[in-house]
C-alpha atoms as a PDB file:
ATOM      1  CA  MET A   1      -5.937 -35.807  -4.423  1.00  0.00           C
ATOM      2  CA  LYS A   2      -5.115 -32.148  -4.313  1.00  0.00           C
ATOM      3  CA  TYR A   3      -2.724 -31.062  -1.465  1.00  0.00           C
ATOM      4  CA  CYS A   4      -1.591 -27.677  -0.225  1.00  0.00           C
ATOM      5  CA  LEU A   5       1.851 -26.950   1.142  1.00  0.00           C
ATOM      6  CA  GLU A   6       2.958 -23.987   3.480  1.00  0.00           C
ATOM      7  CA  PHE A   7       6.612 -23.416   3.443  1.00  0.00           C
ATOM      8  CA  SER A   8       9.327 -20.798   3.905  1.00  0.00           C
ATOM      9  CA  TYR A   9      12.770 -20.119   2.193  1.00  0.00           C
ATOM     10  CA  ASN A  10      15.637 -17.553   2.354  1.00  0.00           C
ATOM     11  CA  GLY A  11      15.832 -16.373  -1.406  1.00  0.00           C
ATOM     12  CA  LYS A  12      19.551 -15.369  -1.390  1.00  0.00           C
ATOM     13  CA  ASN A  13      20.668 -18.447  -3.522  1.00  0.00           C
ATOM     14  CA  TYR A  14      17.539 -18.487  -5.777  1.00  0.00           C
ATOM     15  CA  PHE A  15      16.252 -16.893  -8.880  1.00  0.00           C
ATOM     16  CA  GLY A  16      12.829 -16.570  -7.149  1.00  0.00           C
ATOM     17  CA  TYR A  17      10.223 -19.019  -6.788  1.00  0.00           C
ATOM     18  CA  GLN A  18       9.152 -19.824 -10.145  1.00  0.00           C
ATOM     19  CA  ILE A  19      11.067 -22.163 -12.531  1.00  0.00           C
ATOM     20  CA  GLN A  20      13.700 -20.230 -14.639  1.00  0.00           C
ATOM     21  CA  PRO A  21      15.665 -21.683 -17.764  1.00  0.00           C
ATOM     22  CA  LYS A  22      19.030 -22.607 -16.604  1.00  0.00           C
ATOM     23  CA  GLN A  23      18.874 -20.835 -13.406  1.00  0.00           C
ATOM     24  CA  ILE A  24      18.106 -22.350  -9.955  1.00  0.00           C
ATOM     25  CA  SER A  25      14.649 -21.660  -8.386  1.00  0.00           C
ATOM     26  CA  VAL A  26      12.673 -22.648  -5.164  1.00  0.00           C
ATOM     27  CA  GLN A  27      10.032 -24.289  -7.374  1.00  0.00           C
ATOM     28  CA  GLU A  28      12.743 -26.478  -9.036  1.00  0.00           C
ATOM     29  CA  GLU A  29      13.936 -27.667  -5.691  1.00  0.00           C
ATOM     30  CA  LEU A  30      10.606 -28.407  -4.128  1.00  0.00           C
ATOM     31  CA  GLU A  31       9.383 -30.428  -7.306  1.00  0.00           C
ATOM     32  CA  LYS A  32      12.594 -32.462  -7.304  1.00  0.00           C
ATOM     33  CA  ALA A  33      12.052 -33.389  -3.745  1.00  0.00           C
ATOM     34  CA  LEU A  34       8.444 -34.213  -4.057  1.00  0.00           C
ATOM     35  CA  SER A  35       8.770 -36.304  -7.391  1.00  0.00           C
ATOM     36  CA  ILE A  36      11.781 -38.260  -5.783  1.00  0.00           C
ATOM     37  CA  LEU A  37       9.588 -38.942  -2.631  1.00  0.00           C
ATOM     38  CA  LEU A  38       6.256 -39.849  -4.460  1.00  0.00           C
ATOM     39  CA  ARG A  39       8.023 -41.552  -7.123  1.00  0.00           C
ATOM     40  CA  GLU A  40       5.851 -39.419  -9.856  1.00  0.00           C
ATOM     41  CA  GLU A  41       6.432 -36.542 -11.540  1.00  0.00           C
ATOM     42  CA  ILE A  42       5.019 -33.528  -9.448  1.00  0.00           C
ATOM     43  CA  LYS A  43       4.285 -30.062 -10.531  1.00  0.00           C
ATOM     44  CA  THR A  44       3.395 -27.359  -8.057  1.00  0.00           C
ATOM     45  CA  ILE A  45       1.820 -24.047  -8.655  1.00  0.00           C
ATOM     46  CA  GLY A  46       2.703 -21.430  -6.052  1.00  0.00           C
ATOM     47  CA  ALA A  47       0.716 -18.283  -4.446  1.00  0.00           C
ATOM     48  CA  GLY A  48       3.012 -16.086  -6.823  1.00  0.00           C
ATOM     49  CA  ARG A  49       6.468 -15.608  -8.164  1.00  0.00           C
ATOM     50  CA  THR A  50       8.978 -13.780  -5.944  1.00  0.00           C
ATOM     51  CA  ASP A  51      11.974 -11.974  -7.543  1.00  0.00           C
ATOM     52  CA  THR A  52      15.532 -13.179  -7.464  1.00  0.00           C
ATOM     53  CA  GLY A  53      16.970 -12.754  -3.903  1.00  0.00           C
ATOM     54  CA  VAL A  54      13.417 -12.102  -2.215  1.00  0.00           C
ATOM     55  CA  HIS A  55      12.627 -14.325   0.758  1.00  0.00           C
ATOM     56  CA  ALA A  56       9.404 -15.762   2.035  1.00  0.00           C
ATOM     57  CA  LYS A  57       8.461 -16.290   5.713  1.00  0.00           C
ATOM     58  CA  LYS A  58       4.963 -18.038   4.448  1.00  0.00           C
ATOM     59  CA  ILE A  59       4.163 -18.857   0.987  1.00  0.00           C
ATOM     60  CA  VAL A  60       1.475 -21.525  -0.165  1.00  0.00           C
ATOM     61  CA  ALA A  61       1.711 -23.983  -3.217  1.00  0.00           C
ATOM     62  CA  HIS A  62      -0.519 -26.776  -4.471  1.00  0.00           C
ATOM     63  CA  PHE A  63      -0.016 -30.160  -6.156  1.00  0.00           C
ATOM     64  CA  GLU A  64      -1.572 -33.136  -6.963  1.00  0.00           C
ATOM     65  CA  THR A  65      -0.689 -36.965  -6.706  1.00  0.00           C
ATOM     66  CA  GLN A  66      -1.961 -40.398  -7.019  1.00  0.00           C
ATOM     67  CA  GLN A  67      -1.115 -41.025  -3.387  1.00  0.00           C
ATOM     68  CA  GLU A  68      -2.437 -40.078  -0.052  1.00  0.00           C
ATOM     69  CA  VAL A  69      -0.094 -38.148   2.148  1.00  0.00           C
ATOM     70  CA  ASN A  70      -0.101 -36.855   5.801  1.00  0.00           C
ATOM     71  CA  GLU A  71       1.538 -34.476   8.085  1.00  0.00           C
ATOM     72  CA  ALA A  72       4.128 -36.762   8.848  1.00  0.00           C
ATOM     73  CA  PHE A  73       5.318 -36.485   5.198  1.00  0.00           C
ATOM     74  CA  CYS A  74       6.597 -32.870   5.947  1.00  0.00           C
ATOM     75  CA  ARG A  75       9.560 -34.375   8.024  1.00  0.00           C
ATOM     76  CA  ARG A  76      10.719 -36.570   4.898  1.00  0.00           C
ATOM     77  CA  LEU A  77      10.042 -33.881   2.445  1.00  0.00           C
ATOM     78  CA  ASN A  78      12.184 -31.465   4.413  1.00  0.00           C
ATOM     79  CA  ALA A  79      14.949 -34.060   4.733  1.00  0.00           C
ATOM     80  CA  PHE A  80      15.179 -33.961   0.826  1.00  0.00           C
ATOM     81  CA  LEU A  81      15.095 -30.288   0.591  1.00  0.00           C
ATOM     82  CA  PRO A  82      18.074 -27.735   0.759  1.00  0.00           C
ATOM     83  CA  SER A  83      18.464 -26.074   4.306  1.00  0.00           C
ATOM     84  CA  ASP A  84      17.182 -22.907   3.045  1.00  0.00           C
ATOM     85  CA  ILE A  85      13.727 -24.232   2.225  1.00  0.00           C
ATOM     86  CA  ALA A  86      11.714 -25.597   4.835  1.00  0.00           C
ATOM     87  CA  VAL A  87       8.029 -27.129   4.720  1.00  0.00           C
ATOM     88  CA  HIS A  88       5.630 -26.328   7.645  1.00  0.00           C
ATOM     89  CA  LYS A  89       2.161 -27.674   7.057  1.00  0.00           C
ATOM     90  CA  LEU A  90       0.802 -30.222   4.249  1.00  0.00           C
ATOM     91  CA  PHE A  91      -2.893 -30.835   4.122  1.00  0.00           C
ATOM     92  CA  PRO A  92      -5.712 -31.924   1.622  1.00  0.00           C
ATOM     93  CA  VAL A  93      -7.823 -29.334  -0.204  1.00  0.00           C
ATOM     94  CA  LYS A  94     -10.851 -29.478  -2.519  1.00  0.00           C
ATOM     95  CA  ASP A  95     -10.341 -29.779  -6.236  1.00  0.00           C
ATOM     96  CA  ASP A  96     -11.316 -26.259  -6.925  1.00  0.00           C
ATOM     97  CA  PHE A  97      -8.675 -24.683  -4.735  1.00  0.00           C
ATOM     98  CA  HIS A  98      -5.950 -22.760  -6.576  1.00  0.00           C
ATOM     99  CA  ALA A  99      -2.684 -21.402  -4.835  1.00  0.00           C
ATOM    100  CA  ARG A 100      -2.602 -18.387  -6.820  1.00  0.00           C
ATOM    101  CA  PHE A 101      -6.109 -17.476  -7.899  1.00  0.00           C
ATOM    102  CA  SER A 102      -8.003 -18.532  -4.676  1.00  0.00           C
ATOM    103  CA  ALA A 103      -5.924 -16.021  -2.661  1.00  0.00           C
ATOM    104  CA  THR A 104      -7.624 -13.032  -1.264  1.00  0.00           C
ATOM    105  CA  TYR A 105      -4.659 -11.059  -0.161  1.00  0.00           C
ATOM    106  CA  ARG A 106      -0.955 -11.137   0.121  1.00  0.00           C
ATOM    107  CA  THR A 107       1.317  -9.314   2.813  1.00  0.00           C
ATOM    108  CA  TYR A 108       4.676  -8.264   2.584  1.00  0.00           C
ATOM    109  CA  GLU A 109       7.352  -6.939   4.974  1.00  0.00           C
ATOM    110  CA  TYR A 110      10.435  -4.859   3.916  1.00  0.00           C
ATOM    111  CA  TYR A 111      13.408  -4.425   6.475  1.00  0.00           C
ATOM    112  CA  ILE A 112      15.760  -1.369   6.535  1.00  0.00           C
ATOM    113  CA  SER A 113      18.885  -1.418   8.941  1.00  0.00           C
ATOM    114  CA  THR A 114      19.639   1.916  10.275  1.00  0.00           C
ATOM    115  CA  SER A 115      22.580   0.533  12.361  1.00  0.00           C
ATOM    116  CA  LYS A 116      25.332  -1.559  10.971  1.00  0.00           C
ATOM    117  CA  ASN A 117      24.786  -5.314  11.633  1.00  0.00           C
ATOM    118  CA  PRO A 118      27.007  -7.601   9.949  1.00  0.00           C
ATOM    119  CA  PHE A 119      24.505 -10.482  10.736  1.00  0.00           C
ATOM    120  CA  ASN A 120      21.391  -9.282   8.541  1.00  0.00           C
ATOM    121  CA  ALA A 121      23.278  -7.765   5.887  1.00  0.00           C
ATOM    122  CA  ASP A 122      21.519 -10.488   3.705  1.00  0.00           C
ATOM    123  CA  LEU A 123      18.124  -9.775   5.083  1.00  0.00           C
ATOM    124  CA  SER A 124      17.733  -6.242   4.922  1.00  0.00           C
ATOM    125  CA  TRP A 125      18.673  -2.869   3.048  1.00  0.00           C
ATOM    126  CA  SER A 126      21.438  -1.358   5.038  1.00  0.00           C
ATOM    127  CA  MET A 127      21.155   2.406   5.352  1.00  0.00           C
ATOM    128  CA  TRP A 128      22.794   3.225   8.568  1.00  0.00           C
ATOM    129  CA  ARG A 129      24.505   6.089   6.734  1.00  0.00           C
ATOM    130  CA  ARG A 130      21.252   7.972   6.028  1.00  0.00           C
ATOM    131  CA  ASN A 131      18.749   9.529   8.261  1.00  0.00           C
ATOM    132  CA  LEU A 132      15.157   8.511   7.406  1.00  0.00           C
ATOM    133  CA  ALA A 133      12.091  10.481   8.651  1.00  0.00           C
ATOM    134  CA  ILE A 134       9.599   7.588   9.318  1.00  0.00           C
ATOM    135  CA  ASP A 135       6.589  10.186  10.140  1.00  0.00           C
ATOM    136  CA  ARG A 136       7.057  11.515   6.536  1.00  0.00           C
ATOM    137  CA  MET A 137       7.209   7.875   5.052  1.00  0.00           C
ATOM    138  CA  ASN A 138       3.883   6.935   6.972  1.00  0.00           C
ATOM    139  CA  GLU A 139       2.274  10.394   5.528  1.00  0.00           C
ATOM    140  CA  ALA A 140       3.428   9.017   2.043  1.00  0.00           C
ATOM    141  CA  CYS A 141       1.996   5.504   2.797  1.00  0.00           C
ATOM    142  CA  SER A 142      -1.320   6.973   3.358  1.00  0.00           C
ATOM    143  CA  ILE A 143      -1.646   8.276   0.085  1.00  0.00           C
ATOM    144  CA  LEU A 144      -1.483   4.794  -1.543  1.00  0.00           C
ATOM    145  CA  PHE A 145      -4.915   4.056  -0.274  1.00  0.00           C
ATOM    146  CA  GLU A 146      -6.346   6.939  -2.505  1.00  0.00           C
ATOM    147  CA  TYR A 147      -5.453   4.998  -5.681  1.00  0.00           C
ATOM    148  CA  ASN A 148      -6.045   1.736  -7.318  1.00  0.00           C
ATOM    149  CA  ASP A 149      -3.824   2.165 -10.355  1.00  0.00           C
ATOM    150  CA  PHE A 150      -0.120   1.413  -9.728  1.00  0.00           C
ATOM    151  CA  THR A 151       1.314   1.395 -13.175  1.00  0.00           C
ATOM    152  CA  SER A 152       3.981   3.817 -11.881  1.00  0.00           C
ATOM    153  CA  PHE A 153       5.316   1.061  -9.509  1.00  0.00           C
ATOM    154  CA  ALA A 154       5.238  -1.779 -11.944  1.00  0.00           C
ATOM    155  CA  LYS A 155       8.291  -3.185 -13.656  1.00  0.00           C
ATOM    156  CA  ILE A 156       8.618  -1.930 -17.295  1.00  0.00           C
ATOM    157  CA  GLY A 157       7.718  -4.504 -19.753  1.00  0.00           C
ATOM    158  CA  SER A 158       5.546  -6.618 -17.416  1.00  0.00           C
ATOM    159  CA  ASP A 159       2.760  -8.619 -19.183  1.00  0.00           C
ATOM    160  CA  ASN A 160       0.001  -7.764 -16.550  1.00  0.00           C
ATOM    161  CA  LYS A 161      -3.611  -7.870 -17.948  1.00  0.00           C
ATOM    162  CA  THR A 162      -4.227  -4.911 -15.452  1.00  0.00           C
ATOM    163  CA  ASN A 163      -2.290  -2.712 -13.060  1.00  0.00           C
ATOM    164  CA  LEU A 164      -5.386  -2.206 -10.682  1.00  0.00           C
ATOM    165  CA  CYS A 165      -4.841  -3.250  -7.159  1.00  0.00           C
ATOM    166  CA  THR A 166      -6.460  -2.617  -3.813  1.00  0.00           C
ATOM    167  CA  ILE A 167      -4.050  -1.902  -1.010  1.00  0.00           C
ATOM    168  CA  TYR A 168      -5.405  -2.773   2.450  1.00  0.00           C
ATOM    169  CA  LYS A 169      -2.728  -1.717   4.585  1.00  0.00           C
ATOM    170  CA  ALA A 170       0.773   0.229   4.380  1.00  0.00           C
ATOM    171  CA  PHE A 171       2.696   1.518   7.194  1.00  0.00           C
ATOM    172  CA  TRP A 172       6.180   1.769   8.509  1.00  0.00           C
ATOM    173  CA  GLN A 173       7.474   1.034  12.070  1.00  0.00           C
ATOM    174  CA  GLU A 174      10.503   1.251  13.880  1.00  0.00           C
ATOM    175  CA  ILE A 175      12.171  -2.092  15.056  1.00  0.00           C
ATOM    176  CA  GLU A 176      15.372  -2.854  16.867  1.00  0.00           C
ATOM    177  CA  GLY A 177      18.225  -1.805  14.537  1.00  0.00           C
ATOM    178  CA  GLY A 178      16.011  -0.365  11.939  1.00  0.00           C
ATOM    179  CA  MET A 179      12.518   0.027  10.595  1.00  0.00           C
ATOM    180  CA  MET A 180      10.072  -2.414   8.805  1.00  0.00           C
ATOM    181  CA  MET A 181       7.252  -1.565   6.137  1.00  0.00           C
ATOM    182  CA  THR A 182       4.201  -3.810   6.155  1.00  0.00           C
ATOM    183  CA  ILE A 183       2.084  -3.882   3.108  1.00  0.00           C
ATOM    184  CA  SER A 184      -0.984  -5.903   2.143  1.00  0.00           C
ATOM    185  CA  ALA A 185      -3.226  -6.048  -0.875  1.00  0.00           C
ATOM    186  CA  ASP A 186      -5.346  -8.248  -3.007  1.00  0.00           C
ATOM    187  CA  ARG A 187      -2.592  -8.415  -5.526  1.00  0.00           C
ATOM    188  CA  PHE A 188       0.778  -7.149  -6.476  1.00  0.00           C
ATOM    189  CA  LEU A 189       2.458  -6.075  -9.591  1.00  0.00           C
ATOM    190  CA  ARG A 190       5.957  -7.428 -10.477  1.00  0.00           C
ATOM    191  CA  ASN A 191       8.481  -5.174  -8.604  1.00  0.00           C
ATOM    192  CA  MET A 192       5.785  -3.162  -6.982  1.00  0.00           C
ATOM    193  CA  VAL A 193       6.619  -3.454  -3.449  1.00  0.00           C
ATOM    194  CA  ARG A 194      10.336  -2.755  -4.285  1.00  0.00           C
ATOM    195  CA  SER A 195       9.382   0.210  -6.107  1.00  0.00           C
ATOM    196  CA  ILE A 196       7.191   1.533  -3.545  1.00  0.00           C
ATOM    197  CA  VAL A 197       9.921   1.201  -0.918  1.00  0.00           C
ATOM    198  CA  GLY A 198      12.588   2.902  -2.997  1.00  0.00           C
ATOM    199  CA  THR A 199       9.903   5.931  -3.385  1.00  0.00           C
ATOM    200  CA  MET A 200       9.192   6.010   0.275  1.00  0.00           C
ATOM    201  CA  VAL A 201      12.900   6.025   1.054  1.00  0.00           C
ATOM    202  CA  ASP A 202      13.179   9.124  -1.242  1.00  0.00           C
ATOM    203  CA  VAL A 203      10.341  10.595   1.032  1.00  0.00           C
ATOM    204  CA  GLY A 204      12.275   9.617   4.224  1.00  0.00           C
ATOM    205  CA  THR A 205      15.521  11.137   2.893  1.00  0.00           C
ATOM    206  CA  GLY A 206      13.893  14.411   2.088  1.00  0.00           C
ATOM    207  CA  LYS A 207      14.567  13.775  -1.833  1.00  0.00           C
ATOM    208  CA  ILE A 208      10.940  14.313  -2.535  1.00  0.00           C
ATOM    209  CA  ASN A 209       7.935  15.348  -0.165  1.00  0.00           C
ATOM    210  CA  PRO A 210       5.128  13.034   0.633  1.00  0.00           C
ATOM    211  CA  ASN A 211       2.615  14.732  -1.692  1.00  0.00           C
ATOM    212  CA  ASP A 212       4.828  14.036  -4.605  1.00  0.00           C
ATOM    213  CA  VAL A 213       3.557  10.450  -4.206  1.00  0.00           C
ATOM    214  CA  ARG A 214       0.353  11.548  -5.765  1.00  0.00           C
ATOM    215  CA  ARG A 215       2.034  12.991  -8.575  1.00  0.00           C
ATOM    216  CA  ILE A 216       3.958   9.733  -9.270  1.00  0.00           C
ATOM    217  CA  ILE A 217       0.946   7.592  -9.198  1.00  0.00           C
ATOM    218  CA  GLU A 218      -0.858   9.791 -11.360  1.00  0.00           C
ATOM    219  CA  GLU A 219       1.693  10.046 -14.030  1.00  0.00           C
ATOM    220  CA  LYS A 220       1.304   6.363 -14.445  1.00  0.00           C
ATOM    221  CA  ASN A 221       5.087   6.054 -15.520  1.00  0.00           C
ATOM    222  CA  ARG A 222       7.438   3.945 -13.667  1.00  0.00           C
ATOM    223  CA  ASN A 223      10.312   6.396 -14.472  1.00  0.00           C
ATOM    224  CA  ALA A 224       8.604   8.962 -12.349  1.00  0.00           C
ATOM    225  CA  ALA A 225       8.905   6.801  -9.230  1.00  0.00           C
ATOM    226  CA  GLY A 226      12.006   5.831  -7.178  1.00  0.00           C
ATOM    227  CA  THR A 227      14.809   3.434  -7.699  1.00  0.00           C
ATOM    228  CA  SER A 228      13.660  -0.293  -6.742  1.00  0.00           C
ATOM    229  CA  ALA A 229      14.823  -1.269  -3.100  1.00  0.00           C
ATOM    230  CA  PRO A 230      17.124  -4.267  -3.116  1.00  0.00           C
ATOM    231  CA  ALA A 231      15.679  -7.666  -2.996  1.00  0.00           C
ATOM    232  CA  GLN A 232      17.373  -8.833   0.279  1.00  0.00           C
ATOM    233  CA  GLY A 233      15.071  -6.742   2.320  1.00  0.00           C
ATOM    234  CA  LEU A 234      11.734  -8.033   1.137  1.00  0.00           C
ATOM    235  CA  PHE A 235       9.988 -10.928   2.592  1.00  0.00           C
ATOM    236  CA  LEU A 236       6.453 -12.332   1.615  1.00  0.00           C
ATOM    237  CA  VAL A 237       4.932 -13.210   5.096  1.00  0.00           C
ATOM    238  CA  ASP A 238       1.176 -14.305   4.380  1.00  0.00           C
ATOM    239  CA  VAL A 239      -1.224 -15.388   1.855  1.00  0.00           C
ATOM    240  CA  GLY A 240      -4.773 -15.225   2.655  1.00  0.00           C
ATOM    241  CA  TYR A 241      -7.697 -17.619   1.803  1.00  0.00           C
ATOM    242  CA  ASP A 242     -11.113 -18.471   2.571  1.00  0.00           C
ATOM    243  CA  TRP A 243     -10.030 -21.823   4.139  1.00  0.00           C
ATOM    244  CA  GLU A 244     -13.384 -22.911   5.063  1.00  0.00           C
ATOM    245  CA  LYS A 245     -14.171 -23.281   1.474  1.00  0.00           C
ATOM    246  CA  PHE A 246     -11.355 -25.247   0.544  1.00  0.00           C
ATOM    247  CA  ILE A 247     -10.045 -27.439   3.479  1.00  0.00           C
ATOM    248  CA  LEU A 248     -10.964 -31.048   3.320  1.00  0.00           C
ATOM    249  CA  LEU A 249     -12.015 -32.133   7.126  1.00  0.00           C
END
């Protein structure tokens, strides 16, 4: 049987989702707990690999097992997982479901604190010493929809087969104590969101103009874009699927 898990995690203590040699990862902890409970070696495939320190409010993974499990299994699984990883749903899916390749979109949120707050220092980029013009940042966001080659925002040395992405939405909004960017696309390149956020902050502080984003994208050079924003402000918040095709009723 193939099963799908929906879960969340605080990425502060992990070197991303994907298993890393000699480094602790979310995938390692998840597979360890599943293997203990099911008494067989379990391998998971996630919807994507988040960078070191990045969080997930909602992420999806699938695994296969010889046993039948149900929703009640989540409680037992959570008891074996660290406090910073929580499974919320578990359900059977069809054999052709793939947590990564079946996804139709992914949505991230990035949080910036514009007032000093000791309680969210690990969950946002603290910028209370600087003024950010959110209207200029949203003007720059609108330019992203004009392009689909985001090489300038991809991590140098990444092994991407293509740097083409379709961005569905990208905007900033004010929230209590700061601001948040929401960005959704069919796929993201490694480090892409943090690179975009860093560039948008350059726009917001007046270091560059909104129209400079066109030049940055068209150069197809990572060095043309801004510095990557810190990992702790980034959250994967949704992964979309055509569930009617994959859920077993």
